Amino acid sequence: MQSGPREIVTPFRPIPLDVPDGMSTNEFFNSAENLNDLVHNNGLLQNPEGLLLYRKALGHSNEFDTSIIYNTSQSILDPLGRPVRRTQVPEPVKTVWNRMNQILIEYMLERYPDPDRTLVLAGEASLDATWPLSSPGVPSIRMLHNHFMVFDKAQLRDAPLADANNPNLTDGGQNSLFQAHMRDVYRAFFDSLDLRILRPCQAGSCRIALTGYPQGLPSWEVLGGVDALREMRFWTEYDTILKGFLDFYRAFFGQVSTRNAPMPGGTYFPDMVENRLLFNNDFLKTAKMVRDRCIRDARYANAIRWQPAFKQLIYRNDAGKLIVTISQNSIGNAITELLGVVVRRQPDAEAYGRAEPALVEKLLDVRRRLVEADLGEGIATRYWGAD
């Protein structure tokens, strides 16, 4: 069987949207009105911390697919001022967020125990305000949310190979600036982080054989497996990976933007940035290369995400081990594409209706666990009750 990225078709029920005249759909999606609609039509659970569990109406997978969003639509009306990554979430909220993540991941692994049959992943996408709201490719809801998905590997095996030149497929050898020009600097920077539960993977050992992905991304095995997710230490290290990435990204594009720029304010690991990056010839040489191209190539400069853009994943590899990885480029890829899964959503109410009962049954099942753990109360919609 040929290994390579796969493109699958996922049917969905078309959503009737009444977008006001003069607004783009992306602008409407970021409004308080739309989030209100999301709660009442697809909401599963919410809690006083503002975390909302909901069914993905335009999902990636009809096997299992749900999200938790930090719903600040009523309290922060400026879409560009809302928290868009874990490091911006208040600690009490993040503690609840981590517990919800742990229960959802544990449920998926329990419900789908065989790594040969299913691909299980959970991940966070960067939603930084780096592009205009109406620009193609930007997130449709500019608030922090996590994805929880399961894909049937039989469906992936039967799916056609995706276009390997798709720019959204994170290929470390083609699209990743960090991987292509300063791989050693990037890896050495991460190796300096204080990690005990997360152990760096050997090259290639964390790939999904079916797709050959992830490619070129730094990855870490979770020592202790799913039990480690019950420990605060794991989530501290998960944040440490993100903080290290943010420091590297901001330091690099700061140098691209302005030659010999000072260290960015709010740097998490200033000593590491100063000694391992801002005094590193390969790091600064690459920044000069990108800066020079930006000056002469308007299209290239316009495509850069000047503020940190990332996808951070927890997934199960072929050996059944939990792996953490983080993207390292400025491509606006979908979260599934880090693992070589390209999803083409297709409107088909009848096909979605056939998958819906089993999907909703699992979503309500995991909701019960969250309610029992005092992580929120159920929401009633026209599809399900509150209890």
Protein backbone atom coordinates (compact mmCIF):
# COMPACT_ATOMS: atom_id res chain seq x y z
CA MET A 1 0.00 0.00 0.00
CA GLN A 2 1.37 3.39 -0.99
CA SER A 3 2.00 5.80 1.85
CA GLY A 4 0.91 9.38 1.31
CA PRO A 5 -1.56 12.06 2.37
CA ARG A 6 -5.20 11.11 1.83
CA GLU A 7 -8.18 13.21 0.80
CA ILE A 8 -11.50 12.14 2.27
CA VAL A 9 -15.03 13.44 1.70
CA THR A 10 -17.07 14.31 4.80
CA PRO A 11 -20.79 15.00 4.26
CA PHE A 12 -22.54 17.67 6.30
CA ARG A 13 -26.03 19.10 6.68
CA PRO A 14 -26.15 22.53 5.03
CA ILE A 15 -26.58 25.29 7.58
CA PRO A 16 -29.06 28.04 6.74
CA LEU A 17 -27.20 31.24 7.53
CA ASP A 18 -28.85 34.63 7.45
CA VAL A 19 -25.78 36.83 7.08
CA PRO A 20 -26.68 40.54 7.25
CA ASP A 21 -26.13 42.55 4.09
CA GLY A 22 -22.68 44.03 3.87
CA MET A 23 -21.00 41.40 6.10
CA SER A 24 -18.75 38.56 5.00
CA THR A 25 -19.46 35.13 6.45
CA ASN A 26 -16.20 35.26 8.43
CA GLU A 27 -17.20 38.58 9.97
CA PHE A 28 -20.60 37.17 10.93
CA PHE A 29 -19.07 34.00 12.39
CA ASN A 30 -17.09 36.16 14.80
CA SER A 31 -20.16 38.00 16.06
CA ALA A 32 -21.93 37.44 19.36
CA GLU A 33 -25.09 36.64 17.39
CA ASN A 34 -23.48 33.68 15.65
CA LEU A 35 -22.07 32.23 18.86
CA ASN A 36 -25.53 32.47 20.38
CA ASP A 37 -26.79 30.40 17.45
CA LEU A 38 -23.97 27.90 17.96
CA VAL A 39 -24.99 27.35 21.58
CA HIS A 40 -28.67 26.77 20.83
CA ASN A 41 -28.30 24.61 17.72
CA ASN A 42 -25.15 22.61 18.45
CA GLY A 43 -24.23 23.27 22.08
CA LEU A 44 -23.65 20.23 24.29
CA LEU A 45 -22.32 21.65 27.56
CA GLN A 46 -21.21 24.94 29.05
CA ASN A 47 -19.74 26.02 32.38
CA PRO A 48 -19.28 29.22 34.39
CA GLU A 49 -15.72 29.56 33.09
CA GLY A 50 -17.10 30.29 29.62
CA LEU A 51 -16.05 26.99 28.03
CA LEU A 52 -18.54 25.57 25.54
CA LEU A 53 -18.55 22.00 24.22
CA TYR A 54 -20.37 21.75 20.90
CA ARG A 55 -20.97 19.51 17.93
CA LYS A 56 -19.08 20.50 14.80
CA ALA A 57 -21.81 21.28 12.28
CA LEU A 58 -19.15 21.58 9.57
CA GLY A 59 -17.00 18.78 10.90
CA HIS A 60 -13.88 16.99 9.82
CA SER A 61 -15.14 13.51 10.74
CA ASN A 62 -18.57 11.98 11.25
CA GLU A 63 -17.06 9.19 13.34
CA PHE A 64 -16.29 11.48 16.29
CA ASP A 65 -15.87 15.23 16.09
CA THR A 66 -16.39 17.88 18.73
CA SER A 67 -14.79 21.09 19.98
CA ILE A 68 -14.43 23.16 23.11
CA ILE A 69 -14.44 26.90 22.55
CA TYR A 70 -13.58 29.60 25.07
CA ASN A 71 -16.72 31.59 24.38
CA THR A 72 -15.86 35.22 25.07
CA SER A 73 -18.31 36.54 22.47
CA GLN A 74 -20.53 38.16 25.12
CA SER A 75 -17.74 39.57 27.29
CA ILE A 76 -15.22 40.71 24.64
CA LEU A 77 -17.02 42.21 21.67
CA ASP A 78 -13.82 43.06 19.77
CA PRO A 79 -12.99 39.86 17.81
CA LEU A 80 -9.36 40.93 17.63
CA GLY A 81 -9.13 41.27 21.41
CA ARG A 82 -10.21 37.76 22.37
CA PRO A 83 -7.90 35.03 23.73
CA VAL A 84 -6.71 32.91 20.83
CA ARG A 85 -4.24 30.50 22.47
CA ARG A 86 -3.67 28.73 25.77
CA THR A 87 -1.11 31.22 27.04
CA GLN A 88 -3.76 33.98 27.04
CA VAL A 89 -6.33 32.08 29.13
CA PRO A 90 -6.71 32.90 32.86
CA GLU A 91 -5.25 30.15 35.05
CA PRO A 92 -8.57 29.09 36.68
CA VAL A 93 -10.11 28.71 33.22
CA LYS A 94 -7.09 26.83 31.90
CA THR A 95 -7.26 24.35 34.78
CA VAL A 96 -10.85 23.50 33.85
CA TRP A 97 -9.88 23.47 30.16
CA ASN A 98 -7.10 20.93 30.86
CA ARG A 99 -9.44 18.65 32.79
CA MET A 100 -11.97 18.74 29.96
CA ASN A 101 -9.22 17.92 27.47
CA GLN A 102 -8.03 15.01 29.58
CA ILE A 103 -11.50 13.48 29.87
CA LEU A 104 -12.24 13.85 26.16
CA ILE A 105 -8.93 12.32 25.07
CA GLU A 106 -9.32 9.49 27.57
CA TYR A 107 -12.83 8.83 26.25
CA MET A 108 -11.66 8.68 22.63
CA LEU A 109 -8.86 6.26 23.46
CA GLU A 110 -11.22 4.09 25.50
CA ARG A 111 -13.90 4.06 22.81
CA TYR A 112 -11.36 3.50 20.02
CA PRO A 113 -8.63 1.31 21.55
CA ASP A 114 -7.08 -0.09 18.34
CA PRO A 115 -4.49 2.19 16.64
CA ASP A 116 -4.68 0.02 13.50
CA ARG A 117 -8.35 0.86 13.05
CA THR A 118 -8.60 4.53 14.00
CA LEU A 119 -6.59 7.73 13.99
CA VAL A 120 -7.26 9.70 17.18
CA LEU A 121 -6.20 13.32 17.62
CA ALA A 122 -6.84 16.42 19.70
CA GLY A 123 -5.42 19.80 18.96
CA GLU A 124 -5.42 23.54 19.24
CA ALA A 125 -5.16 25.95 16.34
CA SER A 126 -3.68 29.43 16.50
CA LEU A 127 -6.30 32.08 15.82
CA ASP A 128 -4.11 35.15 16.08
CA ALA A 129 -5.29 38.33 14.43
CA THR A 130 -2.68 38.14 11.70
CA TRP A 131 -4.86 38.63 8.63
CA PRO A 132 -7.97 40.73 7.90
CA LEU A 133 -11.20 39.10 9.07
CA SER A 134 -12.46 38.64 5.52
CA SER A 135 -9.21 37.28 4.06
CA PRO A 136 -9.40 33.74 2.63
CA GLY A 137 -7.95 31.09 4.90
CA VAL A 138 -8.40 32.82 8.25
CA PRO A 139 -10.31 31.08 11.05
CA SER A 140 -14.08 31.45 10.95
CA ILE A 141 -14.41 31.85 14.72
CA ARG A 142 -11.69 34.00 16.25
CA MET A 143 -11.77 32.47 19.70
CA LEU A 144 -9.60 29.78 21.21
CA HIS A 145 -10.98 26.31 20.56
CA ASN A 146 -9.73 22.74 20.62
CA HIS A 147 -10.68 19.96 18.23
CA PHE A 148 -11.26 16.30 19.14
CA MET A 149 -11.49 13.92 16.18
CA VAL A 150 -11.41 10.25 15.23
CA PHE A 151 -10.88 8.99 11.68
CA ASP A 152 -11.60 5.48 10.44
CA LYS A 153 -8.35 4.18 8.95
CA ALA A 154 -10.27 1.95 6.55
CA GLN A 155 -11.79 5.09 5.05
CA LEU A 156 -8.34 6.66 4.85
CA ARG A 157 -6.90 3.57 3.16
CA ASP A 158 -9.67 3.62 0.56
CA ALA A 159 -9.36 7.36 -0.04
CA PRO A 160 -7.38 8.69 -3.00
CA LEU A 161 -3.99 10.24 -2.44
CA ALA A 162 -4.11 13.98 -1.88
CA ASP A 163 -2.12 16.39 -4.00
CA ALA A 164 1.31 16.32 -2.40
CA ASN A 165 1.87 19.90 -3.61
CA ASN A 166 -1.09 21.20 -1.62
CA PRO A 167 0.54 24.11 0.29
CA ASN A 168 -1.58 23.33 3.34
CA LEU A 169 0.10 19.96 3.84
CA THR A 170 2.87 20.64 6.32
CA ASP A 171 5.87 19.07 4.63
CA GLY A 172 9.03 19.91 6.51
CA GLY A 173 11.11 19.56 3.37
CA GLN A 174 8.99 21.92 1.26
CA ASN A 175 6.93 24.43 3.20
CA SER A 176 8.66 24.86 6.53
CA LEU A 177 11.06 27.74 6.72
CA PHE A 178 12.43 26.57 10.06
CA GLN A 179 12.98 22.99 8.91
CA ALA A 180 14.54 23.90 5.59
CA HIS A 181 17.01 26.55 6.73
CA MET A 182 17.69 26.27 10.45
CA ARG A 183 16.58 22.83 11.58
CA ASP A 184 19.47 22.38 14.02
CA VAL A 185 18.88 25.77 15.64
CA TYR A 186 15.17 25.00 16.07
CA ARG A 187 15.72 21.53 17.55
CA ALA A 188 18.49 22.73 19.87
CA PHE A 189 16.21 25.48 21.17
CA PHE A 190 13.51 22.93 22.08
CA ASP A 191 16.10 20.59 23.59
CA SER A 192 16.89 23.31 26.13
CA LEU A 193 13.35 23.23 27.58
CA ASP A 194 12.73 21.57 30.94
CA LEU A 195 10.73 18.50 29.91
CA ARG A 196 10.37 15.29 31.91
CA ILE A 197 7.12 13.72 30.71
CA LEU A 198 7.60 14.71 27.07
CA ARG A 199 10.51 12.85 25.45
CA PRO A 200 11.76 13.84 21.97
CA CYS A 201 10.86 11.29 19.29
CA GLN A 202 13.52 9.75 17.12
CA ALA A 203 13.35 10.86 13.49
CA GLY A 204 10.41 9.22 11.71
CA SER A 205 9.25 7.16 14.69
CA CYS A 206 6.09 9.20 15.25
CA ARG A 207 4.77 9.19 11.68
CA ILE A 208 1.47 7.59 10.70
CA ALA A 209 2.57 4.93 8.19
CA LEU A 210 -0.61 5.28 6.13
CA THR A 211 -0.06 8.97 5.38
CA GLY A 212 3.64 9.45 6.09
CA TYR A 213 2.86 12.44 8.33
CA PRO A 214 3.76 14.48 10.31
CA GLN A 215 6.83 15.48 8.32
CA GLY A 216 9.67 17.55 9.62
CA LEU A 217 7.92 18.59 12.83
CA PRO A 218 9.42 18.32 16.32
CA SER A 219 7.52 15.62 18.20
CA TRP A 220 7.54 14.23 21.71
CA GLU A 221 6.32 10.93 23.15
CA VAL A 222 4.12 11.22 26.25
CA LEU A 223 5.81 9.03 28.85
CA GLY A 224 3.09 7.24 30.81
CA GLY A 225 0.54 7.50 28.02
CA VAL A 226 -2.99 8.61 28.78
CA ASP A 227 -2.39 8.38 32.57
CA ALA A 228 0.12 11.23 32.25
CA LEU A 229 -2.69 13.53 31.09
CA ARG A 230 -4.10 13.31 34.62
CA GLU A 231 -1.00 15.06 35.93
CA MET A 232 -0.65 18.85 36.05
CA ARG A 233 2.99 18.37 35.08
CA PHE A 234 1.96 17.15 31.62
CA TRP A 235 -0.12 20.25 30.91
CA THR A 236 2.70 22.47 32.23
CA GLU A 237 5.05 20.85 29.74
CA TYR A 238 2.43 21.08 26.98
CA ASP A 239 2.37 24.83 27.65
CA THR A 240 6.17 24.91 27.75
CA ILE A 241 6.32 23.52 24.20
CA LEU A 242 3.94 26.25 23.07
CA LYS A 243 5.84 28.99 24.89
CA GLY A 244 9.10 27.84 23.34
CA PHE A 245 7.53 27.91 19.90
CA LEU A 246 6.09 31.39 20.48
CA ASP A 247 9.49 32.71 21.60
CA PHE A 248 11.22 31.25 18.55
CA TYR A 249 8.59 32.47 16.09
CA ARG A 250 8.35 35.99 17.49
CA ALA A 251 12.13 36.36 17.76
CA PHE A 252 12.61 35.18 14.18
CA PHE A 253 9.95 37.28 12.50
CA GLY A 254 10.97 40.23 14.64
CA GLN A 255 14.39 39.99 12.99
CA VAL A 256 12.78 39.55 9.57
CA SER A 257 10.73 42.69 10.10
CA THR A 258 13.51 44.84 11.56
CA ARG A 259 17.24 44.17 11.29
CA ASN A 260 18.87 43.73 14.72
CA ALA A 261 15.51 44.13 16.46
CA PRO A 262 15.49 43.92 20.27
CA MET A 263 14.10 40.89 22.03
CA PRO A 264 10.28 40.89 21.85
CA GLY A 265 8.47 42.01 24.98
CA GLY A 266 6.88 39.23 27.00
CA THR A 267 9.45 36.62 25.98
CA TYR A 268 9.07 33.48 28.12
CA PHE A 269 12.68 32.27 27.97
CA PRO A 270 14.81 35.43 27.53
CA ASP A 271 18.17 33.79 28.29
CA MET A 272 17.55 31.09 25.70
CA VAL A 273 16.42 33.62 23.11
CA GLU A 274 19.40 35.87 23.72
CA ASN A 275 22.08 33.19 23.74
CA ARG A 276 20.71 30.57 21.33
CA LEU A 277 18.91 32.75 18.78
CA LEU A 278 19.93 36.41 18.72
CA PHE A 279 23.62 35.44 18.73
CA ASN A 280 23.26 32.59 16.23
CA ASN A 281 24.57 33.19 12.71
CA ASP A 282 22.30 30.63 11.03
CA PHE A 283 19.24 32.13 12.70
CA LEU A 284 20.12 35.69 11.68
CA LYS A 285 21.27 34.66 8.19
CA THR A 286 17.89 33.05 7.54
CA ALA A 287 16.09 36.16 8.83
CA LYS A 288 18.09 38.28 6.38
CA MET A 289 17.19 35.95 3.52
CA VAL A 290 13.47 36.26 4.28
CA ARG A 291 13.70 40.02 4.85
CA ASP A 292 15.41 40.56 1.50
CA ARG A 293 12.76 38.53 -0.29
CA CYS A 294 9.94 40.41 1.46
CA ILE A 295 11.39 43.70 0.20
CA ARG A 296 11.39 42.60 -3.45
CA ASP A 297 8.40 40.19 -3.52
CA ALA A 298 5.09 41.74 -2.43
CA ARG A 299 3.14 38.49 -2.81
CA TYR A 300 5.60 36.61 -0.61
CA ALA A 301 5.56 39.33 2.06
CA ASN A 302 1.76 39.43 2.10
CA ALA A 303 1.57 35.66 2.73
CA ILE A 304 3.68 35.78 5.90
CA ARG A 305 1.98 35.37 9.25
CA TRP A 306 3.93 38.00 11.15
CA GLN A 307 2.46 36.92 14.46
CA PRO A 308 2.70 33.30 15.69
CA ALA A 309 0.71 30.83 13.64
CA PHE A 310 0.68 27.22 14.82
CA LYS A 311 -1.21 23.99 15.31
CA GLN A 312 -0.45 21.93 18.43
CA LEU A 313 -1.56 18.30 18.51
CA ILE A 314 -1.86 15.31 20.80
CA TYR A 315 -2.37 12.18 18.70
CA ARG A 316 -1.94 8.41 18.86
CA ASN A 317 0.69 6.89 16.60
CA ASP A 318 0.70 3.44 15.00
CA ALA A 319 2.34 1.90 18.07
CA GLY A 320 -0.43 3.20 20.32
CA LYS A 321 1.73 5.86 21.95
CA LEU A 322 0.55 9.40 22.59
CA ILE A 323 2.57 12.00 20.71
CA VAL A 324 2.70 15.79 21.00
CA THR A 325 3.72 17.85 17.97
CA ILE A 326 3.57 21.48 16.91
CA SER A 327 3.66 23.02 13.45
CA GLN A 328 6.55 25.28 12.62
CA ASN A 329 5.63 27.38 9.63
CA SER A 330 3.46 30.27 8.55
CA ILE A 331 1.16 28.21 6.30
CA GLY A 332 -2.53 28.46 7.20
CA ASN A 333 -3.06 24.69 7.17
CA ALA A 334 -5.96 22.79 8.69
CA ILE A 335 -5.22 20.88 11.87
CA THR A 336 -5.83 17.46 10.27
CA GLU A 337 -3.34 18.20 7.52
CA LEU A 338 -0.46 17.99 9.99
CA LEU A 339 -1.19 14.24 9.96
CA GLY A 340 -1.70 14.06 6.21
CA VAL A 341 -5.52 14.06 6.23
CA VAL A 342 -7.14 16.47 3.80
CA VAL A 343 -10.89 16.85 4.40
CA ARG A 344 -13.22 17.92 1.60
CA ARG A 345 -16.58 18.82 3.14
CA GLN A 346 -19.56 18.04 0.94
CA PRO A 347 -23.16 19.18 1.53
CA ASP A 348 -25.27 15.99 1.75
CA ALA A 349 -28.02 16.03 4.37
CA GLU A 350 -29.05 12.42 3.67
CA ALA A 351 -25.54 11.00 4.11
CA TYR A 352 -24.97 13.08 7.23
CA GLY A 353 -28.31 11.94 8.63
CA ARG A 354 -27.20 8.31 8.40
CA ALA A 355 -24.09 9.02 10.50
CA GLU A 356 -25.71 11.49 12.91
CA PRO A 357 -27.38 9.13 15.46
CA ALA A 358 -24.16 7.24 16.27
CA LEU A 359 -22.15 10.46 16.36
CA VAL A 360 -24.56 12.23 18.71
CA GLU A 361 -24.78 9.15 20.96
CA LYS A 362 -21.03 9.32 21.56
CA LEU A 363 -21.07 13.09 22.09
CA LEU A 364 -23.81 12.77 24.73
CA ASP A 365 -21.91 9.88 26.31
CA VAL A 366 -18.77 11.94 26.82
CA ARG A 367 -20.92 14.88 27.95
CA ARG A 368 -22.18 12.74 30.84
CA ARG A 369 -18.60 12.19 31.99
CA LEU A 370 -17.90 15.91 31.93
CA VAL A 371 -21.05 16.68 33.92
CA GLU A 372 -20.17 14.00 36.49
CA ALA A 373 -16.73 15.58 36.89
CA ASP A 374 -18.40 18.96 37.65
CA LEU A 375 -17.11 20.47 34.42
CA GLY A 376 -20.39 21.96 33.23
CA GLU A 377 -24.10 21.49 32.65
CA GLY A 378 -25.82 20.06 29.60
CA ILE A 379 -27.45 22.27 26.96
CA ALA A 380 -30.78 21.38 25.36
CA THR A 381 -31.20 21.79 21.60
CA ARG A 382 -33.82 20.54 19.17
CA TYR A 383 -31.64 17.46 18.67
CA TRP A 384 -31.03 16.49 22.33
CA GLY A 385 -32.03 17.32 25.89
CA ALA A 386 -30.02 18.89 28.67
CA ASP A 387 -29.69 15.74 30.80
